Amino acid sequence: MVDTSALDRWRDRPAVQQPTWPDQDKLREAIAELSIAPPLVFAGEADNLKALLAQAGRGEAFVLQGGDCAESFRDVTADHIRRNVMTILQMAVVLTYGASLPIVKMGRMAGQFAKPRSSDTEVREGVELPAYRGDCVNGFEFTPESRIPDPNRMLRAYNASSATLNLIRAFTYGGFADLRRVHEWNRGFMRNPAYARYEMLAAEIDRAVRFMEAAGVDFDALRTVDFFSAHEALVLEYERALTRIDSRTDLPYSTSAHFLWIGERTRQLDGAHVELLSQVRNPIGCKIGPTITPDELVALIDRLNPDGEEGRLSLITRMGASIIRDTLPPLVEAVKAHGTPVTWICDPMHGNTIVSSTGYKTRRFSTVLDEVKGFFEVHDAAGTVPGGLHVELTGDDVTEVLGGAEDLSDETLKDRYETLVDPRLNHQQALEMSFAVAEMLR
């Protein structure tokens, strides 16, 4: 019998950003049901991703991680999932050409149903209710009944994740991801005059695809892609219930996703999130913002990757465009001197949130791109590897982020502002970003 006691040490650590479940009997029942549910992903798949992330850390691949800020049960539809997968595949083709490297494709999908919040409560017109913490915990509707944390929502999140993964696998292994089809989608994007600045790069990709066809490349081998799931490991009861011992190795793996990350708000060295994720053998990430010190970062690395395993730990930076060129260099140098391999990934979204003149939580497309540029500049100066990109996006034509070639304004945000938490790049902005980043990678 494998000793699993270490997997529950997190219960003795401070646990922040957790729901206050009012019905403990219902919580126990939900955990018991999740604990015997079939795994959503398998250990071997997580190991394959770890090997790919190791390649990205060495500069032999590049990571693209994207999807909704917070998934919602209402959006677990074939159309929404298809559009998100399509957008990531389109971006990946452009980045593959720009970087001349394989792209590791990860979706913030099939599990991103919980979000940390800056306050435990929300006040509207003098009424105070528990904050919305994601569909895994409570409802978005601002009513006392909706905002009560309900453990049965974890079961709904599991079922929604299962359905999403099934559809993703059907898309990515059933011909939907065929390189020629994805290339045709990008041709459609380029028909918009707003993207004329990328015409030369698009033409180069077109010539490369036509050359492969003329050279007799086996396109059957390019009809499928590996697509991995990822989410923030926030609700600890959910993550622990879906942790399993792999029968091949007798080692613990999270089966809720291939890749899990610890957020900026939950990365306390002595905290419950760091403790639980230090135990699972999946590749994991840790968000790091401008307040972390080099010593704190090195201590986190030692805690989360004590064996110095390549591909095990990704550091996802979220600094803010205005300060990344000052705050990131000492962290990169400290990690470089420490010597433990990590994969550096840039999250250019979370450090650049503003409130528009019309009252919407938003970001500026130009600022987001500038943070990516700063990320590359810092790594170029340090002689280290910029390993990937982590963005909040949707394949839908929402109006949540200002700017881009189509120049969304404060006044247009109201047209299709649909996010439940943070603003996302829409389909066109996401593709525009991929062309801009491809130029940086060349």
Protein backbone atom coordinates (compact mmCIF):
# COMPACT_ATOMS: atom_id res chain seq x y z
CA MET A 1 0.00 0.00 0.00
CA VAL A 2 1.40 3.40 -1.05
CA ASP A 3 1.66 5.93 1.77
CA THR A 4 -0.36 8.98 0.71
CA SER A 5 -0.07 10.91 3.97
CA ALA A 6 2.22 13.51 2.39
CA LEU A 7 -0.61 14.49 0.05
CA ASP A 8 -2.60 15.79 3.01
CA ARG A 9 0.11 17.85 4.69
CA TRP A 10 -1.36 20.92 3.00
CA ARG A 11 -4.23 20.73 5.50
CA ASP A 12 -1.80 21.83 8.23
CA ARG A 13 -0.65 24.88 6.24
CA PRO A 14 -2.26 28.30 5.83
CA ALA A 15 -4.72 28.09 2.93
CA VAL A 16 -5.72 31.39 1.32
CA GLN A 17 -8.34 32.11 -1.33
CA GLN A 18 -10.48 29.14 -0.27
CA PRO A 19 -14.28 29.10 -0.23
CA THR A 20 -16.05 28.99 3.11
CA TRP A 21 -18.23 25.94 2.54
CA PRO A 22 -21.30 26.32 4.81
CA ASP A 23 -22.47 22.69 4.49
CA GLN A 24 -19.65 20.39 5.59
CA ASP A 25 -21.69 17.21 5.08
CA LYS A 26 -22.34 18.16 1.46
CA LEU A 27 -18.63 18.96 1.08
CA ARG A 28 -17.62 15.51 2.33
CA GLU A 29 -20.08 13.86 -0.05
CA ALA A 30 -18.77 15.83 -3.04
CA ILE A 31 -15.14 15.02 -2.17
CA ALA A 32 -15.97 11.33 -1.78
CA GLU A 33 -17.57 11.29 -5.22
CA LEU A 34 -14.67 13.14 -6.85
CA SER A 35 -12.15 10.85 -5.17
CA ILE A 36 -13.43 7.82 -7.06
CA ALA A 37 -14.21 9.58 -10.34
CA PRO A 38 -12.21 8.53 -13.43
CA PRO A 39 -9.11 10.64 -14.09
CA LEU A 40 -9.48 13.52 -16.53
CA VAL A 41 -5.87 13.14 -17.74
CA PHE A 42 -3.22 10.47 -17.36
CA ALA A 43 0.24 10.45 -15.84
CA GLY A 44 1.90 9.49 -19.12
CA GLU A 45 0.38 12.53 -20.83
CA ALA A 46 1.69 14.79 -18.05
CA ASP A 47 5.15 13.23 -18.45
CA ASN A 48 5.05 13.92 -22.20
CA LEU A 49 4.22 17.56 -21.51
CA LYS A 50 7.05 17.77 -18.99
CA ALA A 51 9.50 16.64 -21.67
CA LEU A 52 8.18 19.29 -24.07
CA LEU A 53 8.45 22.00 -21.42
CA ALA A 54 12.04 20.92 -20.84
CA GLN A 55 12.66 21.53 -24.53
CA ALA A 56 11.11 24.99 -24.23
CA GLY A 57 13.37 25.75 -21.26
CA ARG A 58 16.38 24.90 -23.44
CA GLY A 59 15.15 27.00 -26.36
CA GLU A 60 14.18 23.96 -28.46
CA ALA A 61 10.43 24.67 -28.37
CA PHE A 62 8.08 27.53 -27.45
CA VAL A 63 5.00 27.40 -25.20
CA LEU A 64 1.64 28.91 -26.13
CA GLN A 65 -0.85 28.84 -23.29
CA GLY A 66 -4.21 30.52 -23.82
CA GLY A 67 -7.89 30.50 -23.04
CA ASP A 68 -10.63 32.11 -20.99
CA CYS A 69 -9.86 34.08 -17.86
CA ALA A 70 -12.49 32.01 -16.09
CA GLU A 71 -14.43 29.25 -17.78
CA SER A 72 -18.16 29.19 -17.15
CA PHE A 73 -20.65 26.36 -17.29
CA ARG A 74 -22.73 28.34 -19.79
CA ASP A 75 -19.82 28.33 -22.27
CA VAL A 76 -19.22 24.59 -22.24
CA THR A 77 -20.60 24.39 -25.77
CA ALA A 78 -19.20 22.88 -28.93
CA ASP A 79 -19.05 26.29 -30.65
CA HIS A 80 -17.20 28.10 -27.86
CA ILE A 81 -14.69 25.29 -27.34
CA ARG A 82 -14.14 24.96 -31.09
CA ARG A 83 -13.48 28.68 -31.49
CA ASN A 84 -10.97 28.73 -28.62
CA VAL A 85 -9.12 25.68 -29.94
CA MET A 86 -9.16 27.14 -33.46
CA THR A 87 -7.67 30.43 -32.23
CA ILE A 88 -4.83 28.70 -30.37
CA LEU A 89 -4.08 26.49 -33.39
CA GLN A 90 -4.00 29.53 -35.67
CA MET A 91 -1.64 31.36 -33.33
CA ALA A 92 0.56 28.26 -33.09
CA VAL A 93 1.04 28.04 -36.87
CA VAL A 94 2.22 31.65 -37.01
CA LEU A 95 4.51 31.23 -33.99
CA THR A 96 5.93 27.98 -35.40
CA TYR A 97 7.06 29.82 -38.50
CA GLY A 98 8.34 32.86 -36.60
CA ALA A 99 10.31 30.86 -34.04
CA SER A 100 11.28 27.98 -36.35
CA LEU A 101 10.46 25.80 -33.35
CA PRO A 102 7.70 23.39 -32.35
CA ILE A 103 4.94 25.07 -30.34
CA VAL A 104 3.72 23.44 -27.13
CA LYS A 105 -0.03 24.07 -27.14
CA MET A 106 -1.82 24.41 -23.80
CA GLY A 107 -5.34 25.64 -23.18
CA ARG A 108 -6.58 27.45 -20.09
CA MET A 109 -9.40 25.01 -20.62
CA ALA A 110 -11.16 22.04 -19.01
CA GLY A 111 -10.62 23.19 -15.43
CA GLN A 112 -10.28 26.98 -15.19
CA PHE A 113 -13.51 27.28 -13.21
CA ALA A 114 -12.14 29.06 -10.12
CA LYS A 115 -10.56 32.48 -9.65
CA PRO A 116 -8.80 34.25 -6.76
CA ARG A 117 -10.36 37.51 -5.64
CA SER A 118 -8.99 40.63 -3.99
CA SER A 119 -11.82 40.66 -1.43
CA ASP A 120 -13.97 37.98 0.19
CA THR A 121 -17.10 40.05 -0.40
CA GLU A 122 -18.62 42.28 -3.06
CA VAL A 123 -20.78 45.34 -2.39
CA ARG A 124 -23.37 46.65 -4.82
CA GLU A 125 -25.73 49.51 -3.94
CA GLY A 126 -25.20 48.90 -0.24
CA VAL A 127 -25.74 45.13 -0.46
CA GLU A 128 -22.76 42.97 0.59
CA LEU A 129 -22.50 39.35 -0.60
CA PRO A 130 -19.71 36.76 -0.89
CA ALA A 131 -17.45 37.41 -3.89
CA TYR A 132 -17.90 35.34 -7.03
CA ARG A 133 -15.06 32.80 -7.00
CA GLY A 134 -15.82 31.00 -10.24
CA ASP A 135 -18.48 28.54 -11.31
CA CYS A 136 -16.66 25.76 -9.44
CA VAL A 137 -17.61 27.52 -6.18
CA ASN A 138 -20.65 29.78 -6.55
CA GLY A 139 -22.79 31.64 -9.08
CA PHE A 140 -22.10 34.94 -10.83
CA GLU A 141 -25.64 36.27 -10.30
CA PHE A 142 -25.64 38.84 -7.49
CA THR A 143 -28.17 37.19 -5.17
CA PRO A 144 -27.72 35.66 -1.70
CA GLU A 145 -28.71 32.21 -3.00
CA SER A 146 -26.35 32.30 -5.99
CA ARG A 147 -23.34 33.44 -3.99
CA ILE A 148 -23.47 30.62 -1.40
CA PRO A 149 -20.48 28.29 -2.02
CA ASP A 150 -21.91 24.94 -3.13
CA PRO A 151 -19.65 21.83 -3.12
CA ASN A 152 -21.81 20.19 -5.80
CA ARG A 153 -20.43 22.80 -8.19
CA MET A 154 -17.10 20.97 -7.99
CA LEU A 155 -18.87 17.94 -9.44
CA ARG A 156 -20.31 20.11 -12.21
CA ALA A 157 -16.82 21.48 -12.89
CA TYR A 158 -15.47 17.94 -13.16
CA ASN A 159 -18.21 16.94 -15.61
CA ALA A 160 -17.77 20.14 -17.64
CA SER A 161 -14.01 19.55 -17.78
CA SER A 162 -14.57 15.98 -18.95
CA ALA A 163 -16.88 17.13 -21.73
CA THR A 164 -14.44 19.84 -22.78
CA LEU A 165 -11.50 17.45 -22.91
CA ASN A 166 -13.49 14.95 -24.97
CA LEU A 167 -14.29 17.62 -27.52
CA ILE A 168 -10.73 18.96 -27.59
CA ARG A 169 -9.42 15.46 -28.28
CA ALA A 170 -11.96 15.00 -31.06
CA PHE A 171 -10.91 18.30 -32.66
CA THR A 172 -7.16 17.81 -32.37
CA TYR A 173 -7.08 14.18 -33.47
CA GLY A 174 -9.94 14.18 -35.95
CA GLY A 175 -8.54 16.38 -38.73
CA PHE A 176 -9.71 19.76 -37.39
CA ALA A 177 -6.07 20.65 -36.66
CA ASP A 178 -4.83 19.84 -40.19
CA LEU A 179 -2.06 22.33 -41.01
CA ARG A 180 -3.62 23.21 -44.37
CA ARG A 181 -6.99 23.93 -42.79
CA VAL A 182 -5.46 26.14 -40.09
CA HIS A 183 -3.43 27.95 -42.77
CA GLU A 184 -6.64 28.69 -44.68
CA TRP A 185 -8.15 30.22 -41.55
CA ASN A 186 -5.16 32.54 -41.26
CA ARG A 187 -5.54 33.52 -44.91
CA GLY A 188 -9.03 34.68 -44.03
CA PHE A 189 -7.62 36.78 -41.19
CA MET A 190 -5.20 38.49 -43.60
CA ARG A 191 -8.01 39.59 -45.94
CA ASN A 192 -8.79 42.34 -43.44
CA PRO A 193 -6.83 45.49 -44.53
CA ALA A 194 -6.24 46.32 -40.86
CA TYR A 195 -3.55 43.61 -40.76
CA ALA A 196 -1.60 44.69 -43.85
CA ARG A 197 1.58 45.15 -41.79
CA TYR A 198 1.77 41.37 -41.41
CA GLU A 199 1.22 40.67 -45.11
CA MET A 200 4.87 39.83 -45.79
CA LEU A 201 5.07 37.30 -42.96
CA ALA A 202 1.76 35.73 -44.00
CA ALA A 203 3.04 35.43 -47.58
CA GLU A 204 6.18 33.66 -46.34
CA ILE A 205 4.08 31.14 -44.42
CA ASP A 206 1.93 30.60 -47.50
CA ARG A 207 5.00 29.89 -49.63
CA ALA A 208 6.33 27.48 -46.99
CA VAL A 209 3.09 25.49 -46.97
CA ARG A 210 2.95 25.38 -50.77
CA PHE A 211 6.60 24.25 -50.87
CA MET A 212 5.81 21.39 -48.47
CA GLU A 213 2.91 20.33 -50.66
CA ALA A 214 5.07 20.45 -53.79
CA ALA A 215 7.83 18.50 -52.05
CA GLY A 216 5.40 15.72 -51.21
CA VAL A 217 5.35 16.20 -47.43
CA ASP A 218 3.06 13.67 -45.76
CA PHE A 219 0.29 15.95 -44.56
CA ASP A 220 -1.46 13.02 -42.89
CA ALA A 221 1.21 13.34 -40.21
CA LEU A 222 0.25 17.02 -39.78
CA ARG A 223 -3.48 16.44 -39.29
CA THR A 224 -3.24 15.93 -35.54
CA VAL A 225 -1.61 17.88 -32.72
CA ASP A 226 -0.98 17.38 -29.01
CA PHE A 227 -3.09 19.81 -27.00
CA PHE A 228 -2.70 19.94 -23.22
CA SER A 229 -5.04 21.23 -20.51
CA ALA A 230 -4.00 23.67 -17.78
CA HIS A 231 -5.58 25.67 -14.99
CA GLU A 232 -4.76 27.42 -11.75
CA ALA A 233 -4.82 24.91 -8.88
CA LEU A 234 -6.90 27.09 -6.59
CA VAL A 235 -9.65 25.08 -4.86
CA LEU A 236 -7.56 22.68 -2.81
CA GLU A 237 -10.30 20.20 -1.96
CA TYR A 238 -11.00 19.72 -5.67
CA GLU A 239 -7.33 19.28 -6.56
CA ARG A 240 -6.65 16.83 -3.72
CA ALA A 241 -9.70 14.74 -4.60
CA LEU A 242 -8.46 14.35 -8.18
CA THR A 243 -4.89 13.39 -7.20
CA ARG A 244 -4.12 9.76 -7.94
CA ILE A 245 -1.21 7.34 -7.45
CA ASP A 246 0.10 6.24 -10.84
CA SER A 247 0.06 2.46 -11.11
CA ARG A 248 3.27 2.44 -13.19
CA THR A 249 5.44 4.39 -10.80
CA ASP A 250 3.56 4.59 -7.46
CA LEU A 251 3.98 8.38 -7.68
CA PRO A 252 1.20 10.95 -7.16
CA TYR A 253 -0.16 12.88 -10.15
CA SER A 254 -2.93 15.40 -10.44
CA THR A 255 -5.49 14.05 -12.88
CA SER A 256 -7.46 17.32 -13.05
CA ALA A 257 -5.13 18.72 -15.76
CA HIS A 258 -1.81 18.08 -17.44
CA PHE A 259 -0.34 21.34 -16.09
CA LEU A 260 -1.27 23.24 -12.93
CA TRP A 261 -0.03 26.58 -11.72
CA ILE A 262 0.13 28.42 -8.41
CA GLY A 263 -1.11 32.00 -8.56
CA GLU A 264 0.57 35.19 -7.46
CA ARG A 265 -1.84 35.37 -4.51
CA THR A 266 -1.23 31.77 -3.36
CA ARG A 267 2.53 31.27 -3.75
CA GLN A 268 3.36 31.58 -0.03
CA LEU A 269 6.38 29.38 0.69
CA ASP A 270 4.75 27.88 3.79
CA GLY A 271 1.27 27.87 2.25
CA ALA A 272 -1.10 25.04 1.40
CA HIS A 273 -0.95 25.54 -2.38
CA VAL A 274 2.83 25.27 -2.56
CA GLU A 275 2.71 22.23 -0.26
CA LEU A 276 0.14 20.32 -2.32
CA LEU A 277 1.73 21.05 -5.71
CA SER A 278 5.17 20.19 -4.38
CA GLN A 279 3.87 16.63 -3.99
CA VAL A 280 2.41 15.93 -7.45
CA ARG A 281 4.65 14.90 -10.33
CA ASN A 282 2.94 16.90 -13.07
CA PRO A 283 4.75 19.81 -14.63
CA ILE A 284 3.70 22.87 -12.66
CA GLY A 285 3.97 26.63 -12.92
CA CYS A 286 4.18 29.52 -10.50
CA LYS A 287 3.05 33.06 -11.27
CA ILE A 288 5.52 35.68 -10.09
CA GLY A 289 4.83 39.39 -9.88
CA PRO A 290 6.88 42.49 -9.14
CA THR A 291 6.81 42.11 -5.33
CA ILE A 292 8.81 38.87 -5.21
CA THR A 293 12.48 39.12 -4.25
CA PRO A 294 15.30 37.06 -5.77
CA ASP A 295 15.76 35.21 -2.46
CA GLU A 296 12.05 34.37 -2.26
CA LEU A 297 12.08 33.12 -5.83
CA VAL A 298 15.08 30.86 -5.28
CA ALA A 299 13.44 29.46 -2.16
CA LEU A 300 10.28 28.70 -4.16
CA ILE A 301 12.33 26.92 -6.82
CA ASP A 302 14.02 24.78 -4.16
CA ARG A 303 10.62 23.95 -2.68
CA LEU A 304 8.87 23.12 -5.95
CA ASN A 305 11.73 21.55 -7.89
CA PRO A 306 14.26 20.27 -5.34
CA ASP A 307 15.66 17.68 -7.75
CA GLY A 308 16.34 20.22 -10.49
CA GLU A 309 14.22 18.30 -12.99
CA GLU A 310 13.97 19.88 -16.45
CA GLY A 311 10.42 20.73 -17.47
CA ARG A 312 9.12 20.37 -13.93
CA LEU A 313 8.79 24.08 -13.09
CA SER A 314 7.74 27.02 -15.25
CA LEU A 315 8.01 30.56 -13.93
CA ILE A 316 5.18 32.67 -15.35
CA THR A 317 6.06 36.35 -15.04
CA ARG A 318 3.31 38.97 -14.66
CA MET A 319 5.10 42.25 -14.02
CA GLY A 320 3.43 45.06 -15.96
CA ALA A 321 4.81 46.65 -19.11
CA SER A 322 6.00 49.79 -17.35
CA ILE A 323 8.28 47.95 -14.92
CA ILE A 324 9.21 44.56 -16.43
CA ARG A 325 12.53 45.85 -17.79
CA ASP A 326 13.52 46.85 -14.24
CA THR A 327 11.93 44.15 -12.07
CA LEU A 328 12.62 41.03 -14.15
CA PRO A 329 16.44 41.23 -14.67
CA PRO A 330 17.47 40.62 -11.03
CA LEU A 331 15.09 37.65 -10.85
CA VAL A 332 16.43 36.16 -14.06
CA GLU A 333 20.01 36.63 -12.89
CA ALA A 334 19.27 35.02 -9.53
CA VAL A 335 17.71 31.97 -11.16
CA LYS A 336 20.55 31.78 -13.66
CA ALA A 337 23.11 31.84 -10.85
CA HIS A 338 21.15 29.26 -8.86
CA GLY A 339 21.41 26.84 -11.75
CA THR A 340 18.13 24.93 -11.42
CA PRO A 341 16.50 24.62 -14.86
CA VAL A 342 13.20 26.46 -15.28
CA THR A 343 11.02 27.40 -18.23
CA TRP A 344 10.33 31.14 -18.38
CA ILE A 345 6.85 32.10 -19.64
CA CYS A 346 5.43 35.61 -20.03
CA ASP A 347 1.92 36.48 -18.84
CA PRO A 348 1.50 40.00 -20.27
CA MET A 349 -2.13 40.32 -19.20
CA HIS A 350 -2.40 40.47 -15.42
CA GLY A 351 0.07 43.27 -14.74
CA ASN A 352 -1.64 45.63 -17.18
CA THR A 353 -5.26 45.86 -16.04
CA ILE A 354 -6.87 49.31 -15.98
CA VAL A 355 -10.37 50.77 -15.66
CA SER A 356 -11.69 52.49 -18.78
CA SER A 357 -13.30 55.92 -18.78
CA THR A 358 -16.60 54.08 -19.20
CA GLY A 359 -16.03 52.00 -16.06
CA TYR A 360 -14.97 48.67 -17.56
CA LYS A 361 -12.06 46.58 -16.32
CA THR A 362 -9.85 46.39 -19.39
CA ARG A 363 -6.33 46.29 -20.85
CA ARG A 364 -4.63 48.03 -23.75
CA PHE A 365 -3.44 45.80 -26.57
CA SER A 366 -0.33 47.95 -27.10
CA THR A 367 0.62 47.66 -23.41
CA VAL A 368 0.18 43.89 -23.45
CA LEU A 369 2.48 43.63 -26.48
CA ASP A 370 5.03 45.94 -24.85
CA GLU A 371 5.30 43.60 -21.86
CA VAL A 372 6.04 40.71 -24.22
CA LYS A 373 8.69 42.82 -25.92
CA GLY A 374 10.24 43.68 -22.55
CA PHE A 375 10.24 40.00 -21.59
CA PHE A 376 12.24 39.13 -24.72
CA GLU A 377 14.62 42.06 -24.19
CA VAL A 378 15.42 41.00 -20.62
CA HIS A 379 16.16 37.41 -21.59
CA ASP A 380 18.21 38.49 -24.59
CA ALA A 381 20.36 40.69 -22.35
CA ALA A 382 20.79 37.92 -19.77
CA GLY A 383 21.52 35.19 -22.30
CA THR A 384 18.56 33.15 -21.01
CA VAL A 385 15.64 31.56 -22.86
CA PRO A 386 12.23 33.23 -23.22
CA GLY A 387 10.26 30.01 -23.29
CA GLY A 388 6.64 30.91 -23.86
CA LEU A 389 3.53 33.05 -23.72
CA HIS A 390 0.50 32.82 -21.40
CA VAL A 391 -2.52 34.88 -22.47
CA GLU A 392 -6.20 35.25 -21.65
CA LEU A 393 -8.11 35.01 -24.91
CA THR A 394 -11.29 33.83 -26.52
CA GLY A 395 -12.20 32.77 -30.02
CA ASP A 396 -15.32 34.92 -29.75
CA ASP A 397 -15.58 38.46 -31.11
CA VAL A 398 -15.87 40.13 -27.72
CA THR A 399 -14.95 43.75 -26.98
CA GLU A 400 -12.96 43.63 -23.76
CA VAL A 401 -9.41 44.81 -24.58
CA LEU A 402 -8.74 48.29 -25.98
CA GLY A 403 -6.85 48.90 -29.20
CA GLY A 404 -5.41 46.45 -31.68
CA ALA A 405 -5.43 47.06 -35.40
CA GLU A 406 -9.22 47.41 -35.31
CA ASP A 407 -8.81 50.03 -32.58
CA LEU A 408 -11.44 49.11 -30.01
CA SER A 409 -12.29 52.21 -27.98
CA ASP A 410 -13.73 52.91 -24.55
CA GLU A 411 -17.12 53.42 -26.16
CA THR A 412 -17.11 50.04 -27.92
CA LEU A 413 -16.32 47.99 -24.78
CA LYS A 414 -20.02 47.82 -23.94
CA ASP A 415 -20.88 46.14 -27.25
CA ARG A 416 -19.79 42.62 -26.26
CA TYR A 417 -18.18 42.77 -22.84
CA GLU A 418 -18.89 39.20 -21.73
CA THR A 419 -16.10 38.11 -19.38
CA LEU A 420 -17.08 37.11 -15.85
CA VAL A 421 -13.79 38.30 -14.32
CA ASP A 422 -10.89 39.68 -16.43
CA PRO A 423 -10.83 41.07 -20.00
CA ARG A 424 -9.66 38.74 -22.80
CA LEU A 425 -8.14 39.27 -26.21
CA ASN A 426 -10.74 38.53 -28.85
CA HIS A 427 -10.12 36.26 -31.85
CA GLN A 428 -8.68 39.00 -34.07
CA GLN A 429 -6.50 40.51 -31.33
CA ALA A 430 -5.14 37.06 -30.41
CA LEU A 431 -4.09 36.42 -34.01
CA GLU A 432 -2.63 39.90 -34.30
CA MET A 433 -0.58 39.17 -31.18
CA SER A 434 0.73 35.95 -32.72
CA PHE A 435 1.97 37.80 -35.81
CA ALA A 436 3.58 40.52 -33.67
CA VAL A 437 5.30 37.95 -31.40
CA ALA A 438 6.40 35.94 -34.45
CA GLU A 439 8.27 39.03 -35.63
CA MET A 440 9.97 39.27 -32.21
CA LEU A 441 10.98 35.60 -32.40
CA ARG A 442 12.62 35.84 -35.82
